[in-house]
Amino acid sequence: MTEDIKYEERPWGNFTQFAFNEECTVKILEVKSGEELSLQSHKKRDELWVVLDEGLKVELDDKVIFPKEGEKVVIKRGMKHRLSSPNGGGRILEVSFGCFDENDEIRYADKYGRN
């Protein structure tokens, strides 16, 4: 996915293109301070997260990162992942590639009691 990201300079500035004529779903996720999404994976889609605010924590399988604003995080199908905001809240732009279905989530841990 990151190999498909296109960056171009123009006389007026530049642009970054994340998808081109692909089946995808685009969202902005906003996580409240102290909250977290479930630890999950997907069978039918890959995701690209573009970090809009610093202060977020990302778990990718057994790795934990604290990405900077503008950093891109690639999540392949089957990869366990979780987004949280230890303090201050924050947002990411999520681009999902493939068949998007909210019921495609496999939850491994969820503090809200969802399956």
N, C-alpha and C. Protein backbone atom coordinates (compact mmCIF):
# COMPACT_ATOMS: atom_id res chain seq x y z
N MET A 1 0.81 -1.20 0.00
CA MET A 1 0.00 0.00 0.00
C MET A 1 0.85 1.27 0.00
N THR A 2 1.87 1.32 0.85
CA THR A 2 2.67 2.54 0.87
C THR A 2 3.42 2.73 -0.44
N GLU A 3 3.69 1.61 -1.13
CA GLU A 3 4.37 1.74 -2.43
C GLU A 3 3.44 2.38 -3.46
N ASP A 4 2.13 2.38 -3.22
CA ASP A 4 1.16 2.98 -4.13
C ASP A 4 0.87 4.45 -3.81
N ILE A 5 1.39 4.95 -2.69
CA ILE A 5 1.17 6.35 -2.34
C ILE A 5 1.98 7.21 -3.30
N LYS A 6 1.30 8.18 -3.88
CA LYS A 6 1.93 9.03 -4.89
C LYS A 6 2.05 10.45 -4.33
N TYR A 7 3.23 11.00 -4.44
CA TYR A 7 3.49 12.38 -4.02
C TYR A 7 3.95 13.15 -5.24
N GLU A 8 3.34 14.31 -5.47
CA GLU A 8 3.73 15.15 -6.61
C GLU A 8 3.84 16.60 -6.21
N GLU A 9 4.89 17.22 -6.71
CA GLU A 9 5.07 18.67 -6.55
C GLU A 9 4.34 19.36 -7.70
N ARG A 10 3.74 20.48 -7.39
CA ARG A 10 3.07 21.31 -8.39
C ARG A 10 3.51 22.76 -8.17
N PRO A 11 3.27 23.65 -9.13
CA PRO A 11 3.67 25.05 -8.94
C PRO A 11 3.00 25.70 -7.72
N TRP A 12 1.80 25.23 -7.38
CA TRP A 12 1.05 25.80 -6.27
C TRP A 12 1.35 25.13 -4.94
N GLY A 13 2.11 24.01 -4.95
CA GLY A 13 2.42 23.26 -3.73
C GLY A 13 2.65 21.80 -4.06
N ASN A 14 1.85 20.90 -3.46
CA ASN A 14 2.00 19.46 -3.70
C ASN A 14 0.74 18.72 -3.30
N PHE A 15 0.68 17.42 -3.63
CA PHE A 15 -0.39 16.57 -3.13
C PHE A 15 0.14 15.17 -2.87
N THR A 16 -0.56 14.48 -1.98
CA THR A 16 -0.28 13.08 -1.69
C THR A 16 -1.55 12.30 -2.02
N GLN A 17 -1.42 11.32 -2.89
CA GLN A 17 -2.56 10.51 -3.33
C GLN A 17 -2.45 9.13 -2.68
N PHE A 18 -3.49 8.73 -1.94
CA PHE A 18 -3.47 7.46 -1.22
C PHE A 18 -4.14 6.33 -1.98
N ALA A 19 -5.11 6.64 -2.82
CA ALA A 19 -5.83 5.62 -3.59
C ALA A 19 -6.16 6.20 -4.95
N PHE A 20 -6.16 5.34 -5.97
CA PHE A 20 -6.49 5.78 -7.31
C PHE A 20 -7.34 4.69 -7.96
N ASN A 21 -8.60 5.00 -8.19
CA ASN A 21 -9.54 4.06 -8.83
C ASN A 21 -9.57 2.69 -8.16
N GLU A 22 -9.51 2.68 -6.84
CA GLU A 22 -9.54 1.43 -6.08
C GLU A 22 -10.81 1.39 -5.23
N GLU A 23 -11.22 0.15 -4.89
CA GLU A 23 -12.31 -0.01 -3.93
C GLU A 23 -11.73 0.31 -2.56
N CYS A 24 -12.24 1.37 -1.95
CA CYS A 24 -11.73 1.75 -0.63
C CYS A 24 -12.80 2.51 0.14
N THR A 25 -12.62 2.55 1.44
CA THR A 25 -13.48 3.31 2.35
C THR A 25 -12.58 4.24 3.14
N VAL A 26 -12.99 5.50 3.30
CA VAL A 26 -12.17 6.50 3.97
C VAL A 26 -12.93 7.05 5.17
N LYS A 27 -12.27 7.08 6.32
CA LYS A 27 -12.88 7.60 7.55
C LYS A 27 -11.84 8.43 8.31
N ILE A 28 -12.32 9.26 9.20
CA ILE A 28 -11.47 9.88 10.21
C ILE A 28 -11.93 9.32 11.54
N LEU A 29 -11.00 8.66 12.26
CA LEU A 29 -11.30 8.12 13.58
C LEU A 29 -10.79 9.11 14.62
N GLU A 30 -11.64 9.43 15.58
CA GLU A 30 -11.25 10.32 16.67
C GLU A 30 -11.36 9.54 17.97
N VAL A 31 -10.25 9.43 18.68
CA VAL A 31 -10.21 8.67 19.93
C VAL A 31 -10.13 9.65 21.09
N LYS A 32 -11.05 9.50 22.03
CA LYS A 32 -11.07 10.36 23.21
C LYS A 32 -9.88 10.05 24.11
N SER A 33 -9.47 11.04 24.87
CA SER A 33 -8.37 10.87 25.81
C SER A 33 -8.64 9.71 26.76
N GLY A 34 -7.66 8.81 26.89
CA GLY A 34 -7.79 7.67 27.80
C GLY A 34 -8.56 6.49 27.22
N GLU A 35 -9.04 6.58 25.99
CA GLU A 35 -9.84 5.50 25.39
C GLU A 35 -9.02 4.71 24.38
N GLU A 36 -9.60 3.55 23.96
CA GLU A 36 -8.91 2.68 23.00
C GLU A 36 -9.93 1.89 22.19
N LEU A 37 -9.53 1.56 20.97
CA LEU A 37 -10.32 0.65 20.14
C LEU A 37 -9.99 -0.77 20.58
N SER A 38 -10.77 -1.73 20.14
CA SER A 38 -10.49 -3.12 20.49
C SER A 38 -9.23 -3.59 19.76
N LEU A 39 -8.56 -4.58 20.36
CA LEU A 39 -7.46 -5.26 19.68
C LEU A 39 -8.14 -6.17 18.67
N GLN A 40 -7.84 -5.98 17.38
CA GLN A 40 -8.61 -6.63 16.33
C GLN A 40 -7.76 -6.94 15.12
N SER A 41 -8.33 -7.71 14.21
CA SER A 41 -7.75 -7.94 12.89
C SER A 41 -8.91 -8.04 11.90
N HIS A 42 -8.58 -8.05 10.61
CA HIS A 42 -9.59 -8.13 9.55
C HIS A 42 -9.18 -9.20 8.55
N LYS A 43 -10.17 -9.87 7.98
CA LYS A 43 -9.91 -10.90 6.97
C LYS A 43 -10.03 -10.36 5.55
N LYS A 44 -10.83 -9.29 5.36
CA LYS A 44 -11.17 -8.86 4.01
C LYS A 44 -10.60 -7.52 3.60
N ARG A 45 -9.81 -6.89 4.45
CA ARG A 45 -9.30 -5.57 4.09
C ARG A 45 -7.95 -5.28 4.73
N ASP A 46 -7.18 -4.44 4.03
CA ASP A 46 -5.96 -3.83 4.56
C ASP A 46 -6.32 -2.40 4.94
N GLU A 47 -5.53 -1.80 5.81
CA GLU A 47 -5.79 -0.41 6.19
C GLU A 47 -4.50 0.40 6.13
N LEU A 48 -4.67 1.65 5.78
CA LEU A 48 -3.60 2.64 5.85
C LEU A 48 -4.08 3.72 6.81
N TRP A 49 -3.33 3.96 7.86
CA TRP A 49 -3.65 5.03 8.79
C TRP A 49 -2.68 6.18 8.57
N VAL A 50 -3.22 7.37 8.41
CA VAL A 50 -2.41 8.58 8.33
C VAL A 50 -2.69 9.35 9.61
N VAL A 51 -1.67 9.56 10.42
CA VAL A 51 -1.82 10.17 11.73
C VAL A 51 -2.04 11.68 11.58
N LEU A 52 -3.14 12.16 12.13
CA LEU A 52 -3.46 13.59 12.06
C LEU A 52 -3.02 14.35 13.30
N ASP A 53 -2.94 13.65 14.44
CA ASP A 53 -2.55 14.28 15.71
C ASP A 53 -1.53 13.40 16.42
N GLU A 54 -0.57 14.01 17.08
CA GLU A 54 0.39 13.24 17.88
C GLU A 54 -0.26 12.85 19.20
N GLY A 55 0.38 11.91 19.89
CA GLY A 55 -0.11 11.48 21.19
C GLY A 55 -0.89 10.17 21.14
N LEU A 56 -1.00 9.57 19.94
CA LEU A 56 -1.70 8.30 19.80
C LEU A 56 -0.73 7.14 19.97
N LYS A 57 -1.27 6.03 20.43
CA LYS A 57 -0.50 4.80 20.59
C LYS A 57 -1.05 3.76 19.62
N VAL A 58 -0.18 3.10 18.88
CA VAL A 58 -0.59 2.09 17.91
C VAL A 58 0.09 0.77 18.27
N GLU A 59 -0.72 -0.29 18.40
CA GLU A 59 -0.21 -1.63 18.61
C GLU A 59 -0.35 -2.39 17.30
N LEU A 60 0.74 -2.97 16.82
CA LEU A 60 0.77 -3.77 15.59
C LEU A 60 1.40 -5.11 15.92
N ASP A 61 0.58 -6.17 16.00
CA ASP A 61 1.05 -7.47 16.46
C ASP A 61 1.76 -7.26 17.80
N ASP A 62 3.05 -7.54 17.90
CA ASP A 62 3.77 -7.41 19.18
C ASP A 62 4.56 -6.11 19.29
N LYS A 63 4.32 -5.17 18.39
CA LYS A 63 5.07 -3.91 18.35
C LYS A 63 4.17 -2.76 18.81
N VAL A 64 4.74 -1.80 19.54
CA VAL A 64 4.02 -0.60 19.97
C VAL A 64 4.77 0.61 19.45
N ILE A 65 4.02 1.53 18.80
CA ILE A 65 4.64 2.76 18.29
C ILE A 65 3.81 3.96 18.71
N PHE A 66 4.44 5.09 18.78
CA PHE A 66 3.80 6.37 19.06
C PHE A 66 4.08 7.27 17.86
N PRO A 67 3.26 7.14 16.80
CA PRO A 67 3.57 7.83 15.54
C PRO A 67 3.44 9.35 15.63
N LYS A 68 4.22 10.01 14.81
CA LYS A 68 4.20 11.47 14.71
C LYS A 68 3.10 11.90 13.75
N GLU A 69 2.71 13.15 13.82
CA GLU A 69 1.73 13.72 12.88
C GLU A 69 2.23 13.54 11.45
N GLY A 70 1.37 13.04 10.59
CA GLY A 70 1.72 12.82 9.19
C GLY A 70 2.30 11.45 8.91
N GLU A 71 2.68 10.71 9.94
CA GLU A 71 3.24 9.36 9.75
C GLU A 71 2.17 8.41 9.21
N LYS A 72 2.59 7.47 8.40
CA LYS A 72 1.68 6.50 7.80
C LYS A 72 1.93 5.13 8.41
N VAL A 73 0.83 4.43 8.76
CA VAL A 73 0.90 3.11 9.37
C VAL A 73 0.14 2.15 8.47
N VAL A 74 0.79 1.07 8.04
CA VAL A 74 0.17 0.08 7.16
C VAL A 74 -0.23 -1.13 8.00
N ILE A 75 -1.48 -1.54 7.84
CA ILE A 75 -2.02 -2.70 8.56
C ILE A 75 -2.53 -3.69 7.53
N LYS A 76 -1.84 -4.80 7.41
CA LYS A 76 -2.20 -5.85 6.45
C LYS A 76 -3.29 -6.75 7.04
N ARG A 77 -4.04 -7.41 6.17
CA ARG A 77 -5.07 -8.36 6.61
C ARG A 77 -4.46 -9.38 7.57
N GLY A 78 -5.19 -9.67 8.64
CA GLY A 78 -4.74 -10.65 9.62
C GLY A 78 -3.83 -10.10 10.70
N MET A 79 -3.34 -8.87 10.54
CA MET A 79 -2.45 -8.27 11.54
C MET A 79 -3.29 -7.77 12.72
N LYS A 80 -2.90 -8.16 13.93
CA LYS A 80 -3.58 -7.64 15.13
C LYS A 80 -3.17 -6.19 15.31
N HIS A 81 -4.16 -5.34 15.59
CA HIS A 81 -3.86 -3.92 15.75
C HIS A 81 -4.85 -3.25 16.70
N ARG A 82 -4.39 -2.17 17.31
CA ARG A 82 -5.24 -1.38 18.19
C ARG A 82 -4.72 0.06 18.19
N LEU A 83 -5.66 0.99 18.25
CA LEU A 83 -5.37 2.42 18.34
C LEU A 83 -5.87 2.90 19.69
N SER A 84 -5.06 3.69 20.38
CA SER A 84 -5.49 4.26 21.66
C SER A 84 -4.91 5.65 21.82
N SER A 85 -5.50 6.36 22.77
CA SER A 85 -5.04 7.71 23.07
C SER A 85 -4.79 7.81 24.58
N PRO A 86 -3.55 7.54 25.00
CA PRO A 86 -3.25 7.53 26.43
C PRO A 86 -3.60 8.84 27.14
N ASN A 87 -3.41 9.96 26.45
CA ASN A 87 -3.82 11.25 27.04
C ASN A 87 -3.95 12.29 25.95
N GLY A 88 -4.99 13.07 26.01
CA GLY A 88 -5.16 14.19 25.09
C GLY A 88 -6.06 13.96 23.89
N GLY A 89 -6.37 12.75 23.54
CA GLY A 89 -7.21 12.50 22.36
C GLY A 89 -6.43 12.68 21.07
N GLY A 90 -6.99 12.16 19.98
CA GLY A 90 -6.31 12.30 18.70
C GLY A 90 -7.09 11.67 17.57
N ARG A 91 -6.66 11.97 16.33
CA ARG A 91 -7.36 11.50 15.14
C ARG A 91 -6.40 10.85 14.15
N ILE A 92 -6.97 9.91 13.39
CA ILE A 92 -6.26 9.35 12.24
C ILE A 92 -7.20 9.34 11.05
N LEU A 93 -6.63 9.44 9.87
CA LEU A 93 -7.35 9.22 8.62
C LEU A 93 -7.15 7.74 8.30
N GLU A 94 -8.25 7.00 8.15
CA GLU A 94 -8.17 5.57 7.85
C GLU A 94 -8.65 5.34 6.42
N VAL A 95 -7.80 4.71 5.61
CA VAL A 95 -8.18 4.31 4.26
C VAL A 95 -8.16 2.78 4.25
N SER A 96 -9.34 2.17 4.06
CA SER A 96 -9.47 0.71 4.04
C SER A 96 -9.52 0.25 2.60
N PHE A 97 -8.67 -0.72 2.26
CA PHE A 97 -8.60 -1.25 0.89
C PHE A 97 -9.18 -2.66 0.88
N GLY A 98 -10.14 -2.90 -0.01
CA GLY A 98 -10.78 -4.20 -0.11
C GLY A 98 -12.23 -4.09 0.27
N CYS A 99 -12.82 -5.21 0.62
CA CYS A 99 -14.24 -5.26 0.97
C CYS A 99 -14.42 -4.75 2.39
N PHE A 100 -15.10 -3.61 2.54
CA PHE A 100 -15.28 -3.03 3.86
C PHE A 100 -16.58 -3.54 4.46
N ASP A 101 -16.48 -4.08 5.68
CA ASP A 101 -17.64 -4.57 6.41
C ASP A 101 -17.30 -4.45 7.88
N GLU A 102 -18.10 -3.68 8.63
CA GLU A 102 -17.84 -3.50 10.07
C GLU A 102 -17.83 -4.84 10.80
N ASN A 103 -18.52 -5.85 10.26
CA ASN A 103 -18.57 -7.17 10.89
C ASN A 103 -17.37 -8.04 10.53
N ASP A 104 -16.42 -7.51 9.80
CA ASP A 104 -15.21 -8.23 9.42
C ASP A 104 -14.18 -8.23 10.56
N GLU A 105 -14.48 -7.56 11.65
CA GLU A 105 -13.53 -7.46 12.76
C GLU A 105 -13.50 -8.75 13.57
N ILE A 106 -12.30 -9.23 13.85
CA ILE A 106 -12.09 -10.30 14.81
C ILE A 106 -11.52 -9.61 16.04
N ARG A 107 -12.27 -9.62 17.13
CA ARG A 107 -11.83 -8.94 18.36
C ARG A 107 -11.12 -9.92 19.27
N TYR A 108 -9.94 -9.52 19.74
CA TYR A 108 -9.15 -10.33 20.67
C TYR A 108 -9.26 -9.79 22.09
N ALA A 109 -9.47 -8.49 22.22
CA ALA A 109 -9.62 -7.84 23.53
C ALA A 109 -10.43 -6.57 23.31
N ASP A 110 -11.35 -6.30 24.24
CA ASP A 110 -12.19 -5.11 24.12
C ASP A 110 -12.66 -4.69 25.50
N LYS A 111 -12.26 -3.50 25.93
CA LYS A 111 -12.59 -3.05 27.28
C LYS A 111 -14.07 -2.68 27.45
N TYR A 112 -14.82 -2.65 26.35
CA TYR A 112 -16.23 -2.31 26.39
C TYR A 112 -17.13 -3.55 26.38
N GLY A 113 -16.53 -4.74 26.39
CA GLY A 113 -17.29 -5.98 26.47
C GLY A 113 -17.90 -6.45 25.16
N ARG A 114 -17.45 -5.89 24.03
CA ARG A 114 -17.97 -6.34 22.73
C ARG A 114 -17.24 -7.60 22.28
N ASN A 115 -17.95 -8.44 21.54
CA ASN A 115 -17.34 -9.67 21.00
C ASN A 115 -16.78 -9.44 19.64
